[in-house]
Amino acid sequence: GLRDFRSAGGGSRVIATAVTNPDATTATDSYGHGTDVAGIIAGNGNNLSLYNPLRGRYVGVAPDANLISIKVSDESGNATVLDVIYGLQFAVDHESDYNIRVINMSFRSTSAESYATDPLDAAAEQAWNHGIVVVAAAGNLGNAPDAVDYAPANDPYVLTVGATDTNGTNWDSDDW
């Protein structure tokens, strides 16, 4: 919940927002995916009520980090490559204003293209050239022959994150 993104003083750790998709009607995440990912990154379940049984159970990898919400999609999660490029440019332009050190992109392009010619990859590299670590989702294509051919995860300057289901089951207790 929103308490997960509160600072020790009670204020929000979402210190800035931007919207780069012209079809978006709000700066908030009505689709939900961005908030889920932000929770994995910077959620702090220790901020929940003392009486909440989930208190401290779920804590992100950087529970004290500030967040800048750059909404590149509309309310249904749709975005164009240009919307994302504008979002990356916002981060580069405001890197020093908000101390932006990491960009996370939990999506993939819909067109497979070489990182040497893909405009989304070029924008991700521009952020990297400005000293920002760029992290991207592998794309959820499993062992498809072209699974690693999509921007931004195919770029050698991007940290690509993925997972495997080594046994092909519906539970994760048997995956290593």
Protein backbone atom coordinates (compact mmCIF):
# COMPACT_ATOMS: atom_id res chain seq x y z
CA GLY A 1 0.00 0.00 0.00
CA LEU A 2 0.91 3.67 0.05
CA ARG A 3 2.32 3.34 3.58
CA ASP A 4 5.08 1.24 2.05
CA PHE A 5 6.30 4.40 0.29
CA ARG A 6 6.37 6.68 3.35
CA SER A 7 9.56 8.11 4.77
CA ALA A 8 10.54 7.80 8.43
CA GLY A 9 9.09 11.29 8.93
CA GLY A 10 5.74 10.24 7.44
CA GLY A 11 6.06 12.00 4.09
CA SER A 12 5.95 10.30 0.73
CA ARG A 13 9.15 8.88 -0.77
CA VAL A 14 7.55 9.42 -4.21
CA ILE A 15 9.23 12.80 -4.55
CA ALA A 16 8.25 13.59 -8.15
CA THR A 17 5.94 12.44 -10.91
CA ALA A 18 5.90 12.90 -14.66
CA VAL A 19 3.56 11.70 -17.41
CA THR A 20 4.94 11.17 -20.92
CA ASN A 21 1.99 9.34 -22.48
CA PRO A 22 -0.53 11.75 -24.05
CA ASP A 23 -3.32 9.19 -23.57
CA ALA A 24 -2.80 8.93 -19.80
CA THR A 25 -5.53 10.63 -17.81
CA THR A 26 -3.77 10.66 -14.45
CA ALA A 27 -0.26 10.50 -13.00
CA THR A 28 -1.32 7.66 -10.71
CA ASP A 29 -0.84 4.00 -11.58
CA SER A 30 -4.35 2.80 -12.30
CA TYR A 31 -2.99 -0.26 -14.16
CA GLY A 32 -1.06 -1.48 -11.11
CA HIS A 33 2.09 -2.96 -12.60
CA GLY A 34 4.30 0.03 -11.84
CA THR A 35 3.21 0.12 -8.21
CA ASP A 36 3.89 -3.61 -7.83
CA VAL A 37 7.38 -3.20 -9.23
CA ALA A 38 8.01 -0.09 -7.10
CA GLY A 39 7.07 -2.15 -4.05
CA ILE A 40 9.59 -4.84 -4.95
CA ILE A 41 12.22 -2.15 -5.34
CA ALA A 42 11.47 0.29 -2.53
CA GLY A 43 8.47 -0.90 -0.55
CA ASN A 44 8.87 -0.87 3.21
CA GLY A 45 6.41 -3.15 4.98
CA ASN A 46 7.91 -2.02 8.29
CA ASN A 47 5.81 1.14 7.91
CA LEU A 48 2.57 -0.77 8.34
CA SER A 49 0.54 -0.58 11.56
CA LEU A 50 1.87 -2.53 14.53
CA TYR A 51 -1.37 -4.52 14.40
CA ASN A 52 -1.12 -5.42 10.71
CA PRO A 53 -0.07 -9.09 10.37
CA LEU A 54 1.86 -8.20 7.18
CA ARG A 55 4.07 -5.64 9.00
CA GLY A 56 7.69 -6.29 8.06
CA ARG A 57 6.83 -9.33 5.97
CA TYR A 58 7.40 -7.66 2.60
CA VAL A 59 10.30 -5.23 2.31
CA GLY A 60 11.83 -4.11 -0.98
CA VAL A 61 15.50 -4.33 -1.87
CA ALA A 62 15.96 -0.58 -1.25
CA PRO A 63 13.31 0.20 1.41
CA ASP A 64 14.55 3.73 2.08
CA ALA A 65 15.00 4.83 -1.54
CA ASN A 66 13.09 7.77 -2.96
CA LEU A 67 10.99 7.16 -6.06
CA ILE A 68 10.31 9.27 -9.12
CA SER A 69 7.21 8.00 -10.89
CA ILE A 70 7.50 8.46 -14.64
CA LYS A 71 4.28 7.22 -16.19
CA VAL A 72 4.90 6.14 -19.78
CA SER A 73 1.72 4.12 -20.27
CA ASP A 74 -1.98 4.87 -20.39
CA GLU A 75 -4.49 3.47 -17.89
CA SER A 76 -4.50 0.10 -19.68
CA GLY A 77 -0.72 -0.28 -19.65
CA ASN A 78 -0.27 0.67 -23.32
CA ALA A 79 2.70 2.75 -24.39
CA THR A 80 4.61 3.58 -27.54
CA VAL A 81 8.37 3.49 -27.88
CA LEU A 82 8.28 7.28 -28.08
CA ASP A 83 6.40 7.51 -24.74
CA VAL A 84 9.18 5.46 -23.14
CA ILE A 85 11.95 7.45 -24.81
CA TYR A 86 10.37 10.65 -23.43
CA GLY A 87 10.31 9.02 -19.99
CA LEU A 88 14.00 8.14 -20.23
CA GLN A 89 14.75 11.68 -21.37
CA PHE A 90 12.88 13.05 -18.34
CA ALA A 91 15.10 10.95 -16.07
CA VAL A 92 18.26 12.16 -17.82
CA ASP A 93 17.11 15.79 -17.76
CA HIS A 94 16.27 15.64 -14.04
CA GLU A 95 19.03 13.30 -12.87
CA SER A 96 20.69 15.92 -10.67
CA ASP A 97 17.40 17.52 -9.56
CA TYR A 98 16.20 14.27 -7.94
CA ASN A 99 19.46 12.31 -7.59
CA ILE A 100 18.25 9.70 -10.08
CA ARG A 101 20.66 6.78 -9.90
CA VAL A 102 18.60 3.87 -11.29
CA ILE A 103 15.88 3.51 -13.93
CA ASN A 104 13.71 0.41 -13.93
CA MET A 105 11.76 -0.67 -17.02
CA SER A 106 9.60 -3.74 -16.46
CA PHE A 107 8.43 -4.20 -20.03
CA ARG A 108 9.76 -5.06 -23.46
CA SER A 109 9.35 -3.68 -26.92
CA THR A 110 7.01 -5.53 -29.26
CA SER A 111 9.49 -5.54 -32.15
CA ALA A 112 12.69 -7.54 -32.14
CA GLU A 113 15.59 -5.44 -33.40
CA SER A 114 19.33 -5.20 -32.91
CA TYR A 115 20.40 -3.02 -30.00
CA ALA A 116 22.68 -1.24 -32.47
CA THR A 117 19.69 0.21 -34.36
CA ASP A 118 16.76 0.18 -31.92
CA PRO A 119 15.78 3.71 -30.76
CA LEU A 120 14.67 2.49 -27.31
CA ASP A 121 18.07 0.89 -26.79
CA ALA A 122 19.73 4.15 -27.87
CA ALA A 123 17.71 6.06 -25.26
CA ALA A 124 18.59 3.51 -22.56
CA GLU A 125 22.27 3.88 -23.48
CA GLN A 126 21.94 7.67 -23.26
CA ALA A 127 20.75 7.27 -19.66
CA TRP A 128 23.66 4.92 -18.95
CA ASN A 129 26.06 7.46 -20.50
CA HIS A 130 24.77 9.95 -17.94
CA GLY A 131 25.70 7.61 -15.09
CA ILE A 132 22.25 6.12 -14.48
CA VAL A 133 22.00 2.35 -14.00
CA VAL A 134 19.32 1.00 -16.34
CA VAL A 135 17.49 -2.20 -15.36
CA ALA A 136 15.02 -3.99 -17.63
CA ALA A 137 12.82 -7.06 -17.51
CA ALA A 138 13.93 -9.96 -19.68
CA GLY A 139 10.50 -9.96 -21.31
CA ASN A 140 8.72 -13.14 -20.19
CA LEU A 141 9.30 -15.04 -23.43
CA GLY A 142 10.92 -18.02 -21.73
CA ASN A 143 13.02 -20.16 -24.04
CA ALA A 144 11.62 -18.72 -27.29
CA PRO A 145 14.37 -18.45 -29.92
CA ASP A 146 14.04 -14.65 -30.02
CA ALA A 147 13.55 -14.16 -26.25
CA VAL A 148 16.54 -11.84 -25.90
CA ASP A 149 16.03 -9.84 -29.10
CA TYR A 150 13.76 -7.12 -27.66
CA ALA A 151 14.64 -3.69 -26.31
CA PRO A 152 15.57 -2.61 -23.76
CA ALA A 153 16.68 -5.96 -22.28
CA ASN A 154 18.81 -6.83 -25.33
CA ASP A 155 21.17 -3.90 -24.80
CA PRO A 156 24.64 -4.67 -23.39
CA TYR A 157 24.53 -1.49 -21.27
CA VAL A 158 21.33 -2.58 -19.51
CA LEU A 159 21.09 -4.93 -16.53
CA THR A 160 18.51 -7.50 -17.58
CA VAL A 161 16.50 -9.30 -14.91
CA GLY A 162 14.67 -12.55 -15.43
CA ALA A 163 13.65 -15.77 -13.78
CA THR A 164 13.29 -19.38 -14.76
CA ASP A 165 10.82 -22.10 -14.03
CA THR A 166 13.25 -24.99 -14.24
CA ASN A 167 10.68 -27.71 -13.68
CA GLY A 168 7.73 -26.25 -15.58
CA THR A 169 5.37 -26.36 -12.60
CA ASN A 170 2.87 -23.81 -11.31
CA TRP A 171 4.73 -23.31 -8.02
CA ASP A 172 8.17 -21.92 -7.30
CA SER A 173 9.29 -24.19 -4.44
CA ASP A 174 11.04 -26.53 -6.91
CA ASP A 175 12.84 -23.83 -8.91
CA TRP A 176 16.48 -23.07 -8.16
